[in-house]
Amino acid sequence: MWSWGEVLLELAQFHRDPESKKMVLDAIFKLEEALEVDPRKHDALWALGNGYTANAFLFPDPKEATPDKAAQCYEQAVQLVPELHVELNKNVYRPIGKWIRKIKEELS
């Protein structure tokens, strides 16, 4: 199931329309299902974090944003596989931090 979720996320990046948003939400659903089967599957946790991040970046509606959920998934994956910490810092926290600052500015 987690592979299916990852594929949907990849496909969604090539579109910027309602179909893309549906793919991202479907991917999140599939990844959540995969984690119900194996909550310690770090690949699924990481991919779910990517899904929540994609939801936030591709569709930057502050009401639908999920950066906190993304961060939680990444942190859980790092707890399971500590080597992911470098990847987390470089590719996740910096972009999410910029995005959160942008959202706060828009809401002010």
PDB file of N, CA and C in Angstrom:
ATOM      1  N   MET A   1       0.811  -1.203   0.000  1.00  0.00           N
ATOM      2  CA  MET A   1       0.000   0.000   0.000  1.00  0.00           C
ATOM      3  C   MET A   1       0.853   1.264   0.000  1.00  0.00           C
ATOM      4  N   TRP A   2       1.981   1.230   0.746  1.00  0.00           N
ATOM      5  CA  TRP A   2       2.783   2.447   0.803  1.00  0.00           C
ATOM      6  C   TRP A   2       3.392   2.762  -0.553  1.00  0.00           C
ATOM      7  N   SER A   3       3.715   1.738  -1.353  1.00  0.00           N
ATOM      8  CA  SER A   3       4.248   1.996  -2.695  1.00  0.00           C
ATOM      9  C   SER A   3       3.204   2.708  -3.560  1.00  0.00           C
ATOM     10  N   TRP A   4       1.963   2.273  -3.424  1.00  0.00           N
ATOM     11  CA  TRP A   4       0.869   2.893  -4.161  1.00  0.00           C
ATOM     12  C   TRP A   4       0.759   4.369  -3.766  1.00  0.00           C
ATOM     13  N   GLY A   5       0.850   4.627  -2.495  1.00  0.00           N
ATOM     14  CA  GLY A   5       0.793   6.002  -2.010  1.00  0.00           C
ATOM     15  C   GLY A   5       1.923   6.844  -2.576  1.00  0.00           C
ATOM     16  N   GLU A   6       3.130   6.275  -2.617  1.00  0.00           N
ATOM     17  CA  GLU A   6       4.267   7.015  -3.168  1.00  0.00           C
ATOM     18  C   GLU A   6       4.079   7.328  -4.646  1.00  0.00           C
ATOM     19  N   VAL A   7       3.565   6.363  -5.389  1.00  0.00           N
ATOM     20  CA  VAL A   7       3.329   6.575  -6.821  1.00  0.00           C
ATOM     21  C   VAL A   7       2.301   7.687  -7.036  1.00  0.00           C
ATOM     22  N   LEU A   8       1.242   7.685  -6.263  1.00  0.00           N
ATOM     23  CA  LEU A   8       0.236   8.738  -6.388  1.00  0.00           C
ATOM     24  C   LEU A   8       0.843  10.116  -6.108  1.00  0.00           C
ATOM     25  N   LEU A   9       1.730  10.184  -5.118  1.00  0.00           N
ATOM     26  CA  LEU A   9       2.381  11.462  -4.821  1.00  0.00           C
ATOM     27  C   LEU A   9       3.241  11.927  -5.986  1.00  0.00           C
ATOM     28  N   GLU A  10       3.969  10.991  -6.579  1.00  0.00           N
ATOM     29  CA  GLU A  10       4.810  11.343  -7.733  1.00  0.00           C
ATOM     30  C   GLU A  10       3.956  11.859  -8.883  1.00  0.00           C
ATOM     31  N   LEU A  11       2.879  11.170  -9.180  1.00  0.00           N
ATOM     32  CA  LEU A  11       2.004  11.588 -10.277  1.00  0.00           C
ATOM     33  C   LEU A  11       1.372  12.954 -10.015  1.00  0.00           C
ATOM     34  N   ALA A  12       1.025  13.196  -8.778  1.00  0.00           N
ATOM     35  CA  ALA A  12       0.362  14.453  -8.429  1.00  0.00           C
ATOM     36  C   ALA A  12       1.259  15.660  -8.697  1.00  0.00           C
ATOM     37  N   GLN A  13       2.559  15.471  -8.641  1.00  0.00           N
ATOM     38  CA  GLN A  13       3.470  16.592  -8.835  1.00  0.00           C
ATOM     39  C   GLN A  13       3.491  17.101 -10.266  1.00  0.00           C
ATOM     40  N   PHE A  14       2.959  16.320 -11.188  1.00  0.00           N
ATOM     41  CA  PHE A  14       2.953  16.733 -12.582  1.00  0.00           C
ATOM     42  C   PHE A  14       1.688  17.494 -12.968  1.00  0.00           C
ATOM     43  N   HIS A  15       0.795  17.681 -12.021  1.00  0.00           N
ATOM     44  CA  HIS A  15      -0.461  18.369 -12.287  1.00  0.00           C
ATOM     45  C   HIS A  15      -0.678  19.466 -11.252  1.00  0.00           C
ATOM     46  N   ARG A  16      -1.448  20.447 -11.608  1.00  0.00           N
ATOM     47  CA  ARG A  16      -1.848  21.496 -10.651  1.00  0.00           C
ATOM     48  C   ARG A  16      -3.330  21.771 -10.844  1.00  0.00           C
ATOM     49  N   ASP A  17      -4.101  20.779 -10.636  1.00  0.00           N
ATOM     50  CA  ASP A  17      -5.539  20.908 -10.824  1.00  0.00           C
ATOM     51  C   ASP A  17      -6.241  20.060  -9.773  1.00  0.00           C
ATOM     52  N   PRO A  18      -7.564  20.054  -9.768  1.00  0.00           N
ATOM     53  CA  PRO A  18      -8.287  19.270  -8.754  1.00  0.00           C
ATOM     54  C   PRO A  18      -7.922  17.778  -8.770  1.00  0.00           C
ATOM     55  N   GLU A  19      -7.585  17.240  -9.943  1.00  0.00           N
ATOM     56  CA  GLU A  19      -7.195  15.829 -10.016  1.00  0.00           C
ATOM     57  C   GLU A  19      -5.915  15.573  -9.222  1.00  0.00           C
ATOM     58  N   SER A  20      -5.000  16.519  -9.284  1.00  0.00           N
ATOM     59  CA  SER A  20      -3.752  16.399  -8.540  1.00  0.00           C
ATOM     60  C   SER A  20      -4.020  16.391  -7.040  1.00  0.00           C
ATOM     61  N   LYS A  21      -4.898  17.284  -6.609  1.00  0.00           N
ATOM     62  CA  LYS A  21      -5.227  17.336  -5.179  1.00  0.00           C
ATOM     63  C   LYS A  21      -5.849  16.014  -4.728  1.00  0.00           C
ATOM     64  N   LYS A  22      -6.708  15.450  -5.577  1.00  0.00           N
ATOM     65  CA  LYS A  22      -7.316  14.165  -5.254  1.00  0.00           C
ATOM     66  C   LYS A  22      -6.247  13.074  -5.140  1.00  0.00           C
ATOM     67  N   MET A  23      -5.250  13.100  -6.038  1.00  0.00           N
ATOM     68  CA  MET A  23      -4.167  12.111  -5.969  1.00  0.00           C
ATOM     69  C   MET A  23      -3.395  12.223  -4.655  1.00  0.00           C
ATOM     70  N   VAL A  24      -3.118  13.455  -4.247  1.00  0.00           N
ATOM     71  CA  VAL A  24      -2.389  13.652  -2.993  1.00  0.00           C
ATOM     72  C   VAL A  24      -3.211  13.127  -1.826  1.00  0.00           C
ATOM     73  N   LEU A  25      -4.496  13.462  -1.797  1.00  0.00           N
ATOM     74  CA  LEU A  25      -5.351  12.999  -0.697  1.00  0.00           C
ATOM     75  C   LEU A  25      -5.513  11.477  -0.723  1.00  0.00           C
ATOM     76  N   ASP A  26      -5.601  10.885  -1.918  1.00  0.00           N
ATOM     77  CA  ASP A  26      -5.658   9.424  -2.030  1.00  0.00           C
ATOM     78  C   ASP A  26      -4.359   8.792  -1.528  1.00  0.00           C
ATOM     79  N   ALA A  27      -3.245   9.425  -1.864  1.00  0.00           N
ATOM     80  CA  ALA A  27      -1.945   8.920  -1.410  1.00  0.00           C
ATOM     81  C   ALA A  27      -1.876   8.947   0.118  1.00  0.00           C
ATOM     82  N   ILE A  28      -2.304  10.050   0.709  1.00  0.00           N
ATOM     83  CA  ILE A  28      -2.303  10.154   2.172  1.00  0.00           C
ATOM     84  C   ILE A  28      -3.163   9.048   2.775  1.00  0.00           C
ATOM     85  N   PHE A  29      -4.327   8.806   2.202  1.00  0.00           N
ATOM     86  CA  PHE A  29      -5.219   7.763   2.689  1.00  0.00           C
ATOM     87  C   PHE A  29      -4.538   6.389   2.610  1.00  0.00           C
ATOM     88  N   LYS A  30      -3.906   6.077   1.468  1.00  0.00           N
ATOM     89  CA  LYS A  30      -3.242   4.772   1.299  1.00  0.00           C
ATOM     90  C   LYS A  30      -2.085   4.617   2.279  1.00  0.00           C
ATOM     91  N   LEU A  31      -1.337   5.673   2.486  1.00  0.00           N
ATOM     92  CA  LEU A  31      -0.206   5.600   3.407  1.00  0.00           C
ATOM     93  C   LEU A  31      -0.678   5.437   4.846  1.00  0.00           C
ATOM     94  N   GLU A  32      -1.768   6.092   5.192  1.00  0.00           N
ATOM     95  CA  GLU A  32      -2.334   5.900   6.538  1.00  0.00           C
ATOM     96  C   GLU A  32      -2.803   4.458   6.716  1.00  0.00           C
ATOM     97  N   GLU A  33      -3.396   3.881   5.658  1.00  0.00           N
ATOM     98  CA  GLU A  33      -3.800   2.471   5.713  1.00  0.00           C
ATOM     99  C   GLU A  33      -2.588   1.564   5.914  1.00  0.00           C
ATOM    100  N   ALA A  34      -1.511   1.846   5.196  1.00  0.00           N
ATOM    101  CA  ALA A  34      -0.292   1.038   5.320  1.00  0.00           C
ATOM    102  C   ALA A  34       0.246   1.095   6.745  1.00  0.00           C
ATOM    103  N   LEU A  35       0.149   2.259   7.366  1.00  0.00           N
ATOM    104  CA  LEU A  35       0.648   2.398   8.735  1.00  0.00           C
ATOM    105  C   LEU A  35      -0.263   1.726   9.756  1.00  0.00           C
ATOM    106  N   GLU A  36      -1.515   1.526   9.408  1.00  0.00           N
ATOM    107  CA  GLU A  36      -2.392   0.753  10.294  1.00  0.00           C
ATOM    108  C   GLU A  36      -1.921  -0.705  10.333  1.00  0.00           C
ATOM    109  N   VAL A  37      -1.422  -1.195   9.207  1.00  0.00           N
ATOM    110  CA  VAL A  37      -0.921  -2.566   9.122  1.00  0.00           C
ATOM    111  C   VAL A  37       0.424  -2.681   9.839  1.00  0.00           C
ATOM    112  N   ASP A  38       1.315  -1.717   9.601  1.00  0.00           N
ATOM    113  CA  ASP A  38       2.652  -1.738  10.204  1.00  0.00           C
ATOM    114  C   ASP A  38       3.038  -0.321  10.613  1.00  0.00           C
ATOM    115  N   PRO A  39       2.712   0.075  11.847  1.00  0.00           N
ATOM    116  CA  PRO A  39       2.974   1.442  12.294  1.00  0.00           C
ATOM    117  C   PRO A  39       4.459   1.797  12.386  1.00  0.00           C
ATOM    118  N   ARG A  40       5.333   0.796  12.303  1.00  0.00           N
ATOM    119  CA  ARG A  40       6.768   1.051  12.422  1.00  0.00           C
ATOM    120  C   ARG A  40       7.476   1.034  11.064  1.00  0.00           C
ATOM    121  N   LYS A  41       6.727   1.109   9.988  1.00  0.00           N
ATOM    122  CA  LYS A  41       7.319   1.103   8.646  1.00  0.00           C
ATOM    123  C   LYS A  41       7.814   2.511   8.331  1.00  0.00           C
ATOM    124  N   HIS A  42       9.106   2.714   8.484  1.00  0.00           N
ATOM    125  CA  HIS A  42       9.661   4.058   8.333  1.00  0.00           C
ATOM    126  C   HIS A  42       9.469   4.617   6.926  1.00  0.00           C
ATOM    127  N   ASP A  43       9.502   3.746   5.909  1.00  0.00           N
ATOM    128  CA  ASP A  43       9.288   4.228   4.535  1.00  0.00           C
ATOM    129  C   ASP A  43       7.890   4.834   4.377  1.00  0.00           C
ATOM    130  N   ALA A  44       6.913   4.182   4.970  1.00  0.00           N
ATOM    131  CA  ALA A  44       5.534   4.683   4.880  1.00  0.00           C
ATOM    132  C   ALA A  44       5.391   5.987   5.667  1.00  0.00           C
ATOM    133  N   LEU A  45       6.029   6.066   6.828  1.00  0.00           N
ATOM    134  CA  LEU A  45       5.986   7.303   7.612  1.00  0.00           C
ATOM    135  C   LEU A  45       6.615   8.456   6.831  1.00  0.00           C
ATOM    136  N   TRP A  46       7.762   8.182   6.218  1.00  0.00           N
ATOM    137  CA  TRP A  46       8.449   9.220   5.452  1.00  0.00           C
ATOM    138  C   TRP A  46       7.586   9.661   4.272  1.00  0.00           C
ATOM    139  N   ALA A  47       7.010   8.686   3.554  1.00  0.00           N
ATOM    140  CA  ALA A  47       6.156   8.996   2.407  1.00  0.00           C
ATOM    141  C   ALA A  47       4.910   9.769   2.847  1.00  0.00           C
ATOM    142  N   LEU A  48       4.341   9.417   3.992  1.00  0.00           N
ATOM    143  CA  LEU A  48       3.181  10.147   4.500  1.00  0.00           C
ATOM    144  C   LEU A  48       3.565  11.592   4.818  1.00  0.00           C
ATOM    145  N   GLY A  49       4.744  11.770   5.400  1.00  0.00           N
ATOM    146  CA  GLY A  49       5.243  13.131   5.620  1.00  0.00           C
ATOM    147  C   GLY A  49       5.349  13.882   4.298  1.00  0.00           C
ATOM    148  N   ASN A  50       5.819  13.193   3.260  1.00  0.00           N
ATOM    149  CA  ASN A  50       5.885  13.812   1.930  1.00  0.00           C
ATOM    150  C   ASN A  50       4.490  14.159   1.418  1.00  0.00           C
ATOM    151  N   GLY A  51       3.516  13.294   1.713  1.00  0.00           N
ATOM    152  CA  GLY A  51       2.139  13.572   1.296  1.00  0.00           C
ATOM    153  C   GLY A  51       1.586  14.819   1.967  1.00  0.00           C
ATOM    154  N   TYR A  52       1.798  14.910   3.267  1.00  0.00           N
ATOM    155  CA  TYR A  52       1.324  16.096   3.979  1.00  0.00           C
ATOM    156  C   TYR A  52       2.055  17.352   3.496  1.00  0.00           C
ATOM    157  N   THR A  53       3.359  17.204   3.209  1.00  0.00           N
ATOM    158  CA  THR A  53       4.127  18.329   2.686  1.00  0.00           C
ATOM    159  C   THR A  53       3.626  18.728   1.308  1.00  0.00           C
ATOM    160  N   ALA A  54       3.387  17.743   0.449  1.00  0.00           N
ATOM    161  CA  ALA A  54       2.865  18.025  -0.897  1.00  0.00           C
ATOM    162  C   ALA A  54       1.527  18.735  -0.795  1.00  0.00           C
ATOM    163  N   ASN A  55       0.692  18.290   0.117  1.00  0.00           N
ATOM    164  CA  ASN A  55      -0.608  18.935   0.308  1.00  0.00           C
ATOM    165  C   ASN A  55      -0.416  20.411   0.653  1.00  0.00           C
ATOM    166  N   ALA A  56       0.564  20.673   1.500  1.00  0.00           N
ATOM    167  CA  ALA A  56       0.811  22.047   1.926  1.00  0.00           C
ATOM    168  C   ALA A  56       1.435  22.901   0.815  1.00  0.00           C
ATOM    169  N   PHE A  57       2.393  22.341   0.078  1.00  0.00           N
ATOM    170  CA  PHE A  57       3.086  23.120  -0.935  1.00  0.00           C
ATOM    171  C   PHE A  57       2.302  23.257  -2.231  1.00  0.00           C
ATOM    172  N   LEU A  58       1.677  22.191  -2.665  1.00  0.00           N
ATOM    173  CA  LEU A  58       0.941  22.243  -3.929  1.00  0.00           C
ATOM    174  C   LEU A  58      -0.369  23.003  -3.802  1.00  0.00           C
ATOM    175  N   PHE A  59      -0.939  22.982  -2.608  1.00  0.00           N
ATOM    176  CA  PHE A  59      -2.238  23.610  -2.378  1.00  0.00           C
ATOM    177  C   PHE A  59      -2.148  24.456  -1.118  1.00  0.00           C
ATOM    178  N   PRO A  60      -1.500  25.612  -1.215  1.00  0.00           N
ATOM    179  CA  PRO A  60      -1.193  26.385  -0.013  1.00  0.00           C
ATOM    180  C   PRO A  60      -2.377  27.129   0.599  1.00  0.00           C
ATOM    181  N   ASP A  61      -3.431  26.417   0.899  1.00  0.00           N
ATOM    182  CA  ASP A  61      -4.571  27.001   1.602  1.00  0.00           C
ATOM    183  C   ASP A  61      -4.319  26.795   3.095  1.00  0.00           C
ATOM    184  N   PRO A  62      -4.159  27.867   3.860  1.00  0.00           N
ATOM    185  CA  PRO A  62      -3.845  27.725   5.283  1.00  0.00           C
ATOM    186  C   PRO A  62      -4.825  26.836   6.045  1.00  0.00           C
ATOM    187  N   LYS A  63      -6.065  26.759   5.583  1.00  0.00           N
ATOM    188  CA  LYS A  63      -7.051  25.938   6.284  1.00  0.00           C
ATOM    189  C   LYS A  63      -6.810  24.448   6.060  1.00  0.00           C
ATOM    190  N   GLU A  64      -6.163  24.108   4.962  1.00  0.00           N
ATOM    191  CA  GLU A  64      -5.930  22.704   4.632  1.00  0.00           C
ATOM    192  C   GLU A  64      -4.482  22.283   4.873  1.00  0.00           C
ATOM    193  N   ALA A  65      -3.641  23.186   5.316  1.00  0.00           N
ATOM    194  CA  ALA A  65      -2.225  22.900   5.489  1.00  0.00           C
ATOM    195  C   ALA A  65      -1.995  21.864   6.580  1.00  0.00           C
ATOM    196  N   THR A  66      -0.981  21.053   6.367  1.00  0.00           N
ATOM    197  CA  THR A  66      -0.695  19.975   7.315  1.00  0.00           C
ATOM    198  C   THR A  66       0.795  19.897   7.675  1.00  0.00           C
ATOM    199  N   PRO A  67       1.488  21.028   7.866  1.00  0.00           N
ATOM    200  CA  PRO A  67       2.921  20.927   8.164  1.00  0.00           C
ATOM    201  C   PRO A  67       3.204  20.252   9.500  1.00  0.00           C
ATOM    202  N   ASP A  68       2.323  20.413  10.479  1.00  0.00           N
ATOM    203  CA  ASP A  68       2.554  19.765  11.769  1.00  0.00           C
ATOM    204  C   ASP A  68       2.477  18.249  11.635  1.00  0.00           C
ATOM    205  N   LYS A  69       1.521  17.768  10.849  1.00  0.00           N
ATOM    206  CA  LYS A  69       1.408  16.330  10.627  1.00  0.00           C
ATOM    207  C   LYS A  69       2.619  15.811   9.873  1.00  0.00           C
ATOM    208  N   ALA A  70       3.084  16.577   8.893  1.00  0.00           N
ATOM    209  CA  ALA A  70       4.269  16.177   8.128  1.00  0.00           C
ATOM    210  C   ALA A  70       5.468  16.053   9.065  1.00  0.00           C
ATOM    211  N   ALA A  71       5.680  17.063   9.888  1.00  0.00           N
ATOM    212  CA  ALA A  71       6.815  17.050  10.818  1.00  0.00           C
ATOM    213  C   ALA A  71       6.735  15.850  11.757  1.00  0.00           C
ATOM    214  N   GLN A  72       5.539  15.538  12.232  1.00  0.00           N
ATOM    215  CA  GLN A  72       5.360  14.401  13.136  1.00  0.00           C
ATOM    216  C   GLN A  72       5.742  13.092  12.440  1.00  0.00           C
ATOM    217  N   CYS A  73       5.322  12.929  11.198  1.00  0.00           N
ATOM    218  CA  CYS A  73       5.662  11.705  10.448  1.00  0.00           C
ATOM    219  C   CYS A  73       7.165  11.589  10.244  1.00  0.00           C
ATOM    220  N   TYR A  74       7.802  12.691   9.847  1.00  0.00           N
ATOM    221  CA  TYR A  74       9.252  12.662   9.637  1.00  0.00           C
ATOM    222  C   TYR A  74       9.990  12.335  10.932  1.00  0.00           C
ATOM    223  N   GLU A  75       9.556  12.935  12.018  1.00  0.00           N
ATOM    224  CA  GLU A  75      10.208  12.680  13.304  1.00  0.00           C
ATOM    225  C   GLU A  75      10.056  11.227  13.734  1.00  0.00           C
ATOM    226  N   GLN A  76       8.899  10.636  13.499  1.00  0.00           N
ATOM    227  CA  GLN A  76       8.701   9.220  13.826  1.00  0.00           C
ATOM    228  C   GLN A  76       9.606   8.338  12.966  1.00  0.00           C
ATOM    229  N   ALA A  77       9.741   8.689  11.694  1.00  0.00           N
ATOM    230  CA  ALA A  77      10.617   7.919  10.803  1.00  0.00           C
ATOM    231  C   ALA A  77      12.068   8.009  11.279  1.00  0.00           C
ATOM    232  N   VAL A  78      12.483   9.195  11.709  1.00  0.00           N
ATOM    233  CA  VAL A  78      13.854   9.381  12.200  1.00  0.00           C
ATOM    234  C   VAL A  78      14.080   8.586  13.484  1.00  0.00           C
ATOM    235  N   GLN A  79      13.070   8.492  14.326  1.00  0.00           N
ATOM    236  CA  GLN A  79      13.210   7.686  15.540  1.00  0.00           C
ATOM    237  C   GLN A  79      13.468   6.224  15.190  1.00  0.00           C
ATOM    238  N   LEU A  80      12.849   5.759  14.109  1.00  0.00           N
ATOM    239  CA  LEU A  80      13.035   4.374  13.683  1.00  0.00           C
ATOM    240  C   LEU A  80      14.349   4.173  12.938  1.00  0.00           C
ATOM    241  N   VAL A  81      14.756   5.169  12.157  1.00  0.00           N
ATOM    242  CA  VAL A  81      15.991   5.096  11.367  1.00  0.00           C
ATOM    243  C   VAL A  81      16.729   6.430  11.553  1.00  0.00           C
ATOM    244  N   PRO A  82      17.601   6.501  12.559  1.00  0.00           N
ATOM    245  CA  PRO A  82      18.258   7.771  12.886  1.00  0.00           C
ATOM    246  C   PRO A  82      19.040   8.406  11.730  1.00  0.00           C
ATOM    247  N   GLU A  83      19.506   7.619  10.774  1.00  0.00           N
ATOM    248  CA  GLU A  83      20.267   8.172   9.650  1.00  0.00           C
ATOM    249  C   GLU A  83      19.428   9.149   8.818  1.00  0.00           C
ATOM    250  N   LEU A  84      18.118   9.077   8.921  1.00  0.00           N
ATOM    251  CA  LEU A  84      17.246   9.972   8.162  1.00  0.00           C
ATOM    252  C   LEU A  84      17.298  11.411   8.680  1.00  0.00           C
ATOM    253  N   HIS A  85      17.962  11.618   9.819  1.00  0.00           N
ATOM    254  CA  HIS A  85      18.012  12.944  10.409  1.00  0.00           C
ATOM    255  C   HIS A  85      18.622  13.967   9.450  1.00  0.00           C
ATOM    256  N   VAL A  86      19.696  13.611   8.755  1.00  0.00           N
ATOM    257  CA  VAL A  86      20.342  14.539   7.818  1.00  0.00           C
ATOM    258  C   VAL A  86      19.363  14.922   6.706  1.00  0.00           C
ATOM    259  N   GLU A  87      18.676  13.934   6.166  1.00  0.00           N
ATOM    260  CA  GLU A  87      17.691  14.172   5.109  1.00  0.00           C
ATOM    261  C   GLU A  87      16.563  15.064   5.619  1.00  0.00           C
ATOM    262  N   LEU A  88      16.128  14.807   6.821  1.00  0.00           N
ATOM    263  CA  LEU A  88      15.040  15.579   7.425  1.00  0.00           C
ATOM    264  C   LEU A  88      15.411  17.051   7.541  1.00  0.00           C
ATOM    265  N   ASN A  89      16.578  17.311   8.043  1.00  0.00           N
ATOM    266  CA  ASN A  89      16.999  18.695   8.244  1.00  0.00           C
ATOM    267  C   ASN A  89      17.163  19.426   6.914  1.00  0.00           C
ATOM    268  N   LYS A  90      17.790  18.776   5.947  1.00  0.00           N
ATOM    269  CA  LYS A  90      18.098  19.417   4.669  1.00  0.00           C
ATOM    270  C   LYS A  90      16.864  19.636   3.795  1.00  0.00           C
ATOM    271  N   ASN A  91      16.016  18.624   3.688  1.00  0.00           N
ATOM    272  CA  ASN A  91      14.935  18.656   2.704  1.00  0.00           C
ATOM    273  C   ASN A  91      13.546  18.907   3.266  1.00  0.00           C
ATOM    274  N   VAL A  92      13.422  18.941   4.574  1.00  0.00           N
ATOM    275  CA  VAL A  92      12.082  19.092   5.139  1.00  0.00           C
ATOM    276  C   VAL A  92      11.966  20.332   6.015  1.00  0.00           C
ATOM    277  N   TYR A  93      12.769  20.412   7.062  1.00  0.00           N
ATOM    278  CA  TYR A  93      12.574  21.498   8.014  1.00  0.00           C
ATOM    279  C   TYR A  93      12.818  22.873   7.404  1.00  0.00           C
ATOM    280  N   ARG A  94      13.826  23.015   6.574  1.00  0.00           N
ATOM    281  CA  ARG A  94      14.071  24.320   5.961  1.00  0.00           C
ATOM    282  C   ARG A  94      12.899  24.757   5.085  1.00  0.00           C
ATOM    283  N   PRO A  95      12.444  23.920   4.127  1.00  0.00           N
ATOM    284  CA  PRO A  95      11.303  24.355   3.297  1.00  0.00           C
ATOM    285  C   PRO A  95      10.021  24.572   4.092  1.00  0.00           C
ATOM    286  N   ILE A  96       9.751  23.713   5.056  1.00  0.00           N
ATOM    287  CA  ILE A  96       8.528  23.872   5.849  1.00  0.00           C
ATOM    288  C   ILE A  96       8.598  25.153   6.673  1.00  0.00           C
ATOM    289  N   GLY A  97       9.764  25.458   7.208  1.00  0.00           N
ATOM    290  CA  GLY A  97       9.914  26.694   7.972  1.00  0.00           C
ATOM    291  C   GLY A  97       9.614  27.916   7.129  1.00  0.00           C
ATOM    292  N   LYS A  98      10.113  27.924   5.895  1.00  0.00           N
ATOM    293  CA  LYS A  98       9.826  29.036   4.978  1.00  0.00           C
ATOM    294  C   LYS A  98       8.334  29.111   4.677  1.00  0.00           C
ATOM    295  N   TRP A  99       7.734  27.969   4.457  1.00  0.00           N
ATOM    296  CA  TRP A  99       6.309  27.929   4.119  1.00  0.00           C
ATOM    297  C   TRP A  99       5.457  28.417   5.289  1.00  0.00           C
ATOM    298  N   ILE A 100       5.798  28.006   6.505  1.00  0.00           N
ATOM    299  CA  ILE A 100       5.038  28.429   7.689  1.00  0.00           C
ATOM    300  C   ILE A 100       5.147  29.941   7.864  1.00  0.00           C
ATOM    301  N   ARG A 101       6.343  30.502   7.666  1.00  0.00           N
ATOM    302  CA  ARG A 101       6.502  31.955   7.769  1.00  0.00           C
ATOM    303  C   ARG A 101       5.626  32.667   6.731  1.00  0.00           C
ATOM    304  N   LYS A 102       5.563  32.130   5.522  1.00  0.00           N
ATOM    305  CA  LYS A 102       4.741  32.726   4.470  1.00  0.00           C
ATOM    306  C   LYS A 102       3.266  32.712   4.865  1.00  0.00           C
ATOM    307  N   ILE A 103       2.800  31.579   5.381  1.00  0.00           N
ATOM    308  CA  ILE A 103       1.394  31.449   5.806  1.00  0.00           C
ATOM    309  C   ILE A 103       1.084  32.450   6.918  1.00  0.00           C
ATOM    310  N   LYS A 104       1.978  32.568   7.885  1.00  0.00           N
ATOM    311  CA  LYS A 104       1.755  33.509   8.983  1.00  0.00           C
ATOM    312  C   LYS A 104       1.652  34.931   8.477  1.00  0.00           C
ATOM    313  N   GLU A 105       2.504  35.282   7.505  1.00  0.00           N
ATOM    314  CA  GLU A 105       2.434  36.612   6.922  1.00  0.00           C
ATOM    315  C   GLU A 105       1.101  36.850   6.228  1.00  0.00           C
ATOM    316  N   GLU A 106       0.621  35.843   5.504  1.00  0.00           N
ATOM    317  CA  GLU A 106      -0.653  35.967   4.788  1.00  0.00           C
ATOM    318  C   GLU A 106      -1.828  36.107   5.749  1.00  0.00           C
ATOM    319  N   LEU A 107      -1.743  35.467   6.899  1.00  0.00           N
ATOM    320  CA  LEU A 107      -2.838  35.510   7.868  1.00  0.00           C
ATOM    321  C   LEU A 107      -2.815  36.787   8.696  1.00  0.00           C
ATOM    322  N   SER A 108      -1.689  37.477   8.703  1.00  0.00           N
ATOM    323  CA  SER A 108      -1.569  38.709   9.503  1.00  0.00           C
ATOM    324  C   SER A 108      -2.309  39.859   8.866  1.00  0.00           C
TER     325      SER A 108
END
